[in-house]
C-alpha cells in the first residue's frame, strides 16, 4: 500500500526534531577553563502537530491538503562546575520547584557527608591510639 502524504510530512518533521533535540542539547559539551570543567544544562520542550484532509470521492484527482508543524524551546537552566573533584550546581532560574532545590542541594549534601565520614574515621583512629597509650601506661 502506498504511503499517505501525511505520513511523509510527519516523518520529515520528526526527523528534523530528532536532529535538533538530542542528549547533547540537554547536557551540553563540557567547557574547560583553567582546570575547571563547566557543563551547561538546558531544559528542552517541544511540540508537534499535524493534520490533513482528503478531498471528497467525487474528485477525479488524488488530492490532499495537509500540514505539519513543530516548535522547540531550549532554555539554559544551570551549569555543573567541576573543580578539584568537587561538583557544584549554579542555577540560572530564580523560580525553582522543590525538585530543583533538592537537586541543587545534592552536591553540597554529598560534600558534607564525605567530610563527616572522614571525620568519623579520624576520630576512631585517634580513639584507638588513645586506648593503646592507656594500656601501655604512656598517656600524658
C-alpha atoms as a PDB file:
ATOM      1  CA  UNK A   1       0.000   0.000   0.000  1.00  0.00           C
ATOM      2  CA  UNK A   2       1.321   3.433  -0.944  1.00  0.00           C
ATOM      3  CA  UNK A   3       2.339   5.827   1.799  1.00  0.00           C
ATOM      4  CA  UNK A   4      -0.200   8.530   2.542  1.00  0.00           C
ATOM      5  CA  UNK A   5       1.131  12.097   2.066  1.00  0.00           C
ATOM      6  CA  UNK A   6       0.596  12.947   5.756  1.00  0.00           C
ATOM      7  CA  UNK A   7       2.935  10.095   6.737  1.00  0.00           C
ATOM      8  CA  UNK A   8       5.713  11.605   4.646  1.00  0.00           C
ATOM      9  CA  UNK A   9       5.188  15.072   6.139  1.00  0.00           C
ATOM     10  CA  UNK A  10       5.143  13.685   9.686  1.00  0.00           C
ATOM     11  CA  UNK A  11       8.286  11.650   9.031  1.00  0.00           C
ATOM     12  CA  UNK A  12      10.236  14.670   7.768  1.00  0.00           C
ATOM     13  CA  UNK A  13       9.090  16.812  10.711  1.00  0.00           C
ATOM     14  CA  UNK A  14      10.038  14.154  13.283  1.00  0.00           C
ATOM     15  CA  UNK A  15      13.459  13.711  11.641  1.00  0.00           C
ATOM     16  CA  UNK A  16      14.096  17.449  11.936  1.00  0.00           C
ATOM     17  CA  UNK A  17      13.082  17.390  15.616  1.00  0.00           C
ATOM     18  CA  UNK A  18      15.463  14.462  16.240  1.00  0.00           C
ATOM     19  CA  UNK A  19      18.266  16.463  14.645  1.00  0.00           C
ATOM     20  CA  UNK A  20      17.612  19.449  16.932  1.00  0.00           C
ATOM     21  CA  UNK A  21      16.885  17.638  20.206  1.00  0.00           C
ATOM     22  CA  UNK A  22      19.328  15.025  21.463  1.00  0.00           C
ATOM     23  CA  UNK A  23      21.223  14.367  24.674  1.00  0.00           C
ATOM     24  CA  UNK A  24      23.878  16.941  23.700  1.00  0.00           C
ATOM     25  CA  UNK A  25      21.151  19.578  23.631  1.00  0.00           C
ATOM     26  CA  UNK A  26      20.163  18.902  27.248  1.00  0.00           C
ATOM     27  CA  UNK A  27      23.616  18.252  28.712  1.00  0.00           C
ATOM     28  CA  UNK A  28      25.970  20.418  26.673  1.00  0.00           C
ATOM     29  CA  UNK A  29      29.571  19.806  25.757  1.00  0.00           C
ATOM     30  CA  UNK A  30      31.976  20.410  28.658  1.00  0.00           C
ATOM     31  CA  UNK A  31      33.968  23.647  28.626  1.00  0.00           C
ATOM     32  CA  UNK A  32      37.374  23.625  30.360  1.00  0.00           C
ATOM     33  CA  UNK A  33      38.732  26.880  31.794  1.00  0.00           C
ATOM     34  CA  UNK A  34      41.930  26.859  33.882  1.00  0.00           C
ATOM     35  CA  UNK A  35      41.349  23.332  35.208  1.00  0.00           C
ATOM     36  CA  UNK A  36      37.652  23.908  35.916  1.00  0.00           C
ATOM     37  CA  UNK A  37      35.094  21.998  33.849  1.00  0.00           C
ATOM     38  CA  UNK A  38      31.789  23.750  33.160  1.00  0.00           C
ATOM     39  CA  UNK A  39      28.884  21.681  31.808  1.00  0.00           C
ATOM     40  CA  UNK A  40      25.763  23.550  30.617  1.00  0.00           C
ATOM     41  CA  UNK A  41      22.343  22.037  31.376  1.00  0.00           C
ATOM     42  CA  UNK A  42      19.279  23.096  29.380  1.00  0.00           C
ATOM     43  CA  UNK A  43      15.566  22.473  29.527  1.00  0.00           C
ATOM     44  CA  UNK A  44      14.155  21.335  26.194  1.00  0.00           C
ATOM     45  CA  UNK A  45      10.467  21.382  25.362  1.00  0.00           C
ATOM     46  CA  UNK A  46       8.925  20.651  22.035  1.00  0.00           C
ATOM     47  CA  UNK A  47       5.525  20.303  20.460  1.00  0.00           C
ATOM     48  CA  UNK A  48       4.364  18.629  17.303  1.00  0.00           C
ATOM     49  CA  UNK A  49       1.126  18.865  15.327  1.00  0.00           C
ATOM     50  CA  UNK A  50      -0.069  17.529  12.010  1.00  0.00           C
ATOM     51  CA  UNK A  51      -3.293  17.414  10.125  1.00  0.00           C
ATOM     52  CA  UNK A  52      -4.702  16.758   6.711  1.00  0.00           C
ATOM     53  CA  UNK A  53      -7.795  16.281   4.662  1.00  0.00           C
ATOM     54  CA  UNK A  54      -8.585  14.219   1.611  1.00  0.00           C
ATOM     55  CA  UNK A  55     -10.833  15.785  -0.981  1.00  0.00           C
ATOM     56  CA  UNK A  56     -14.179  14.054  -1.403  1.00  0.00           C
ATOM     57  CA  UNK A  57     -14.591  10.940  -3.526  1.00  0.00           C
ATOM     58  CA  UNK A  58     -16.311  12.845  -6.349  1.00  0.00           C
ATOM     59  CA  UNK A  59     -12.972  14.351  -7.295  1.00  0.00           C
ATOM     60  CA  UNK A  60     -11.191  12.691 -10.196  1.00  0.00           C
ATOM     61  CA  UNK A  61      -7.712  13.525  -8.927  1.00  0.00           C
ATOM     62  CA  UNK A  62      -5.837  12.286  -5.880  1.00  0.00           C
ATOM     63  CA  UNK A  63      -5.970  15.494  -3.908  1.00  0.00           C
ATOM     64  CA  UNK A  64      -4.721  16.046  -0.430  1.00  0.00           C
ATOM     65  CA  UNK A  65      -4.346  19.093   1.765  1.00  0.00           C
ATOM     66  CA  UNK A  66      -2.357  18.987   4.953  1.00  0.00           C
ATOM     67  CA  UNK A  67       0.435  20.314   7.011  1.00  0.00           C
ATOM     68  CA  UNK A  68       2.702  19.643   9.940  1.00  0.00           C
ATOM     69  CA  UNK A  69       4.441  21.888  12.372  1.00  0.00           C
ATOM     70  CA  UNK A  70       6.758  21.684  15.305  1.00  0.00           C
ATOM     71  CA  UNK A  71       8.234  24.026  17.834  1.00  0.00           C
ATOM     72  CA  UNK A  72      11.288  23.595  20.021  1.00  0.00           C
ATOM     73  CA  UNK A  73      12.271  25.693  23.021  1.00  0.00           C
ATOM     74  CA  UNK A  74      15.754  25.383  24.517  1.00  0.00           C
ATOM     75  CA  UNK A  75      16.480  27.330  27.695  1.00  0.00           C
ATOM     76  CA  UNK A  76      19.684  27.126  29.736  1.00  0.00           C
ATOM     77  CA  UNK A  77      18.767  26.400  33.360  1.00  0.00           C
ATOM     78  CA  UNK A  78      22.023  25.542  35.134  1.00  0.00           C
ATOM     79  CA  UNK A  79      25.729  24.848  34.954  1.00  0.00           C
ATOM     80  CA  UNK A  80      27.584  21.985  36.608  1.00  0.00           C
ATOM     81  CA  UNK A  81      31.005  23.202  37.724  1.00  0.00           C
ATOM     82  CA  UNK A  82      33.652  20.566  38.457  1.00  0.00           C
ATOM     83  CA  UNK A  83      36.795  21.797  40.221  1.00  0.00           C
ATOM     84  CA  UNK A  84      39.307  19.715  42.210  1.00  0.00           C
ATOM     85  CA  UNK A  85      36.879  16.789  42.401  1.00  0.00           C
ATOM     86  CA  UNK A  86      34.046  18.945  43.790  1.00  0.00           C
ATOM     87  CA  UNK A  87      30.832  19.386  41.816  1.00  0.00           C
ATOM     88  CA  UNK A  88      28.685  22.494  42.222  1.00  0.00           C
ATOM     89  CA  UNK A  89      25.416  23.418  40.570  1.00  0.00           C
ATOM     90  CA  UNK A  90      24.808  27.002  39.527  1.00  0.00           C
ATOM     91  CA  UNK A  91      21.108  27.576  38.869  1.00  0.00           C
ATOM     92  CA  UNK A  92      20.116  30.274  36.409  1.00  0.00           C
ATOM     93  CA  UNK A  93      16.400  30.281  37.185  1.00  0.00           C
ATOM     94  CA  UNK A  94      15.077  32.252  40.149  1.00  0.00           C
ATOM     95  CA  UNK A  95      11.775  30.394  40.439  1.00  0.00           C
ATOM     96  CA  UNK A  96      12.709  26.843  41.321  1.00  0.00           C
ATOM     97  CA  UNK A  97      10.472  23.928  42.180  1.00  0.00           C
ATOM     98  CA  UNK A  98      11.133  21.776  45.251  1.00  0.00           C
ATOM     99  CA  UNK A  99      12.690  19.155  42.967  1.00  0.00           C
ATOM    100  CA  UNK A 100      15.084  21.775  41.545  1.00  0.00           C
ATOM    101  CA  UNK A 101      16.000  22.825  45.090  1.00  0.00           C
ATOM    102  CA  UNK A 102      16.691  19.212  46.078  1.00  0.00           C
ATOM    103  CA  UNK A 103      18.879  18.629  43.015  1.00  0.00           C
ATOM    104  CA  UNK A 104      20.704  21.897  43.666  1.00  0.00           C
ATOM    105  CA  UNK A 105      21.420  20.884  47.281  1.00  0.00           C
ATOM    106  CA  UNK A 106      22.657  17.394  46.371  1.00  0.00           C
ATOM    107  CA  UNK A 107      26.344  18.232  45.693  1.00  0.00           C
ATOM    108  CA  UNK A 108      26.615  20.140  48.994  1.00  0.00           C
ATOM    109  CA  UNK A 109      24.995  17.224  50.832  1.00  0.00           C
ATOM    110  CA  UNK A 110      27.480  14.779  49.303  1.00  0.00           C
ATOM    111  CA  UNK A 111      30.394  17.042  50.334  1.00  0.00           C
ATOM    112  CA  UNK A 112      29.088  17.291  53.905  1.00  0.00           C
ATOM    113  CA  UNK A 113      28.553  13.530  54.191  1.00  0.00           C
ATOM    114  CA  UNK A 114      32.045  12.867  52.850  1.00  0.00           C
ATOM    115  CA  UNK A 115      33.565  15.297  55.358  1.00  0.00           C
ATOM    116  CA  UNK A 116      31.545  13.696  58.183  1.00  0.00           C
ATOM    117  CA  UNK A 117      32.676  10.191  57.230  1.00  0.00           C
ATOM    118  CA  UNK A 118      36.318  11.315  57.034  1.00  0.00           C
ATOM    119  CA  UNK A 119      35.989  12.956  60.466  1.00  0.00           C
ATOM    120  CA  UNK A 120      34.491   9.784  61.979  1.00  0.00           C
ATOM    121  CA  UNK A 121      37.338   7.666  60.585  1.00  0.00           C
ATOM    122  CA  UNK A 122      39.885  10.117  62.005  1.00  0.00           C
ATOM    123  CA  UNK A 123      38.140  10.117  65.416  1.00  0.00           C
ATOM    124  CA  UNK A 124      38.156   6.304  65.501  1.00  0.00           C
ATOM    125  CA  UNK A 125      41.874   6.246  64.717  1.00  0.00           C
ATOM    126  CA  UNK A 126      42.523   8.832  67.447  1.00  0.00           C
ATOM    127  CA  UNK A 127      40.436   6.838  69.962  1.00  0.00           C
ATOM    128  CA  UNK A 128      42.304   3.656  69.068  1.00  0.00           C
ATOM    129  CA  UNK A 129      45.613   5.483  69.587  1.00  0.00           C
ATOM    130  CA  UNK A 130      44.472   6.811  72.999  1.00  0.00           C
ATOM    131  CA  UNK A 131      43.412   3.318  74.145  1.00  0.00           C
ATOM    132  CA  UNK A 132      46.795   1.853  73.136  1.00  0.00           C
ATOM    133  CA  UNK A 133      48.570   4.612  75.047  1.00  0.00           C
ATOM    134  CA  UNK A 134      46.420   3.999  78.163  1.00  0.00           C
ATOM    135  CA  UNK A 135      47.059   0.264  78.042  1.00  0.00           C
ATOM    136  CA  UNK A 136      50.813   0.782  77.852  1.00  0.00           C
ATOM    137  CA  UNK A 137      50.668   3.470  80.534  1.00  0.00           C
ATOM    138  CA  UNK A 138      52.265   6.156  78.368  1.00  0.00           C
ATOM    139  CA  UNK A 139      49.331   8.546  78.075  1.00  0.00           C
ATOM    140  CA  UNK A 140      50.056  12.110  79.190  1.00  0.00           C
END
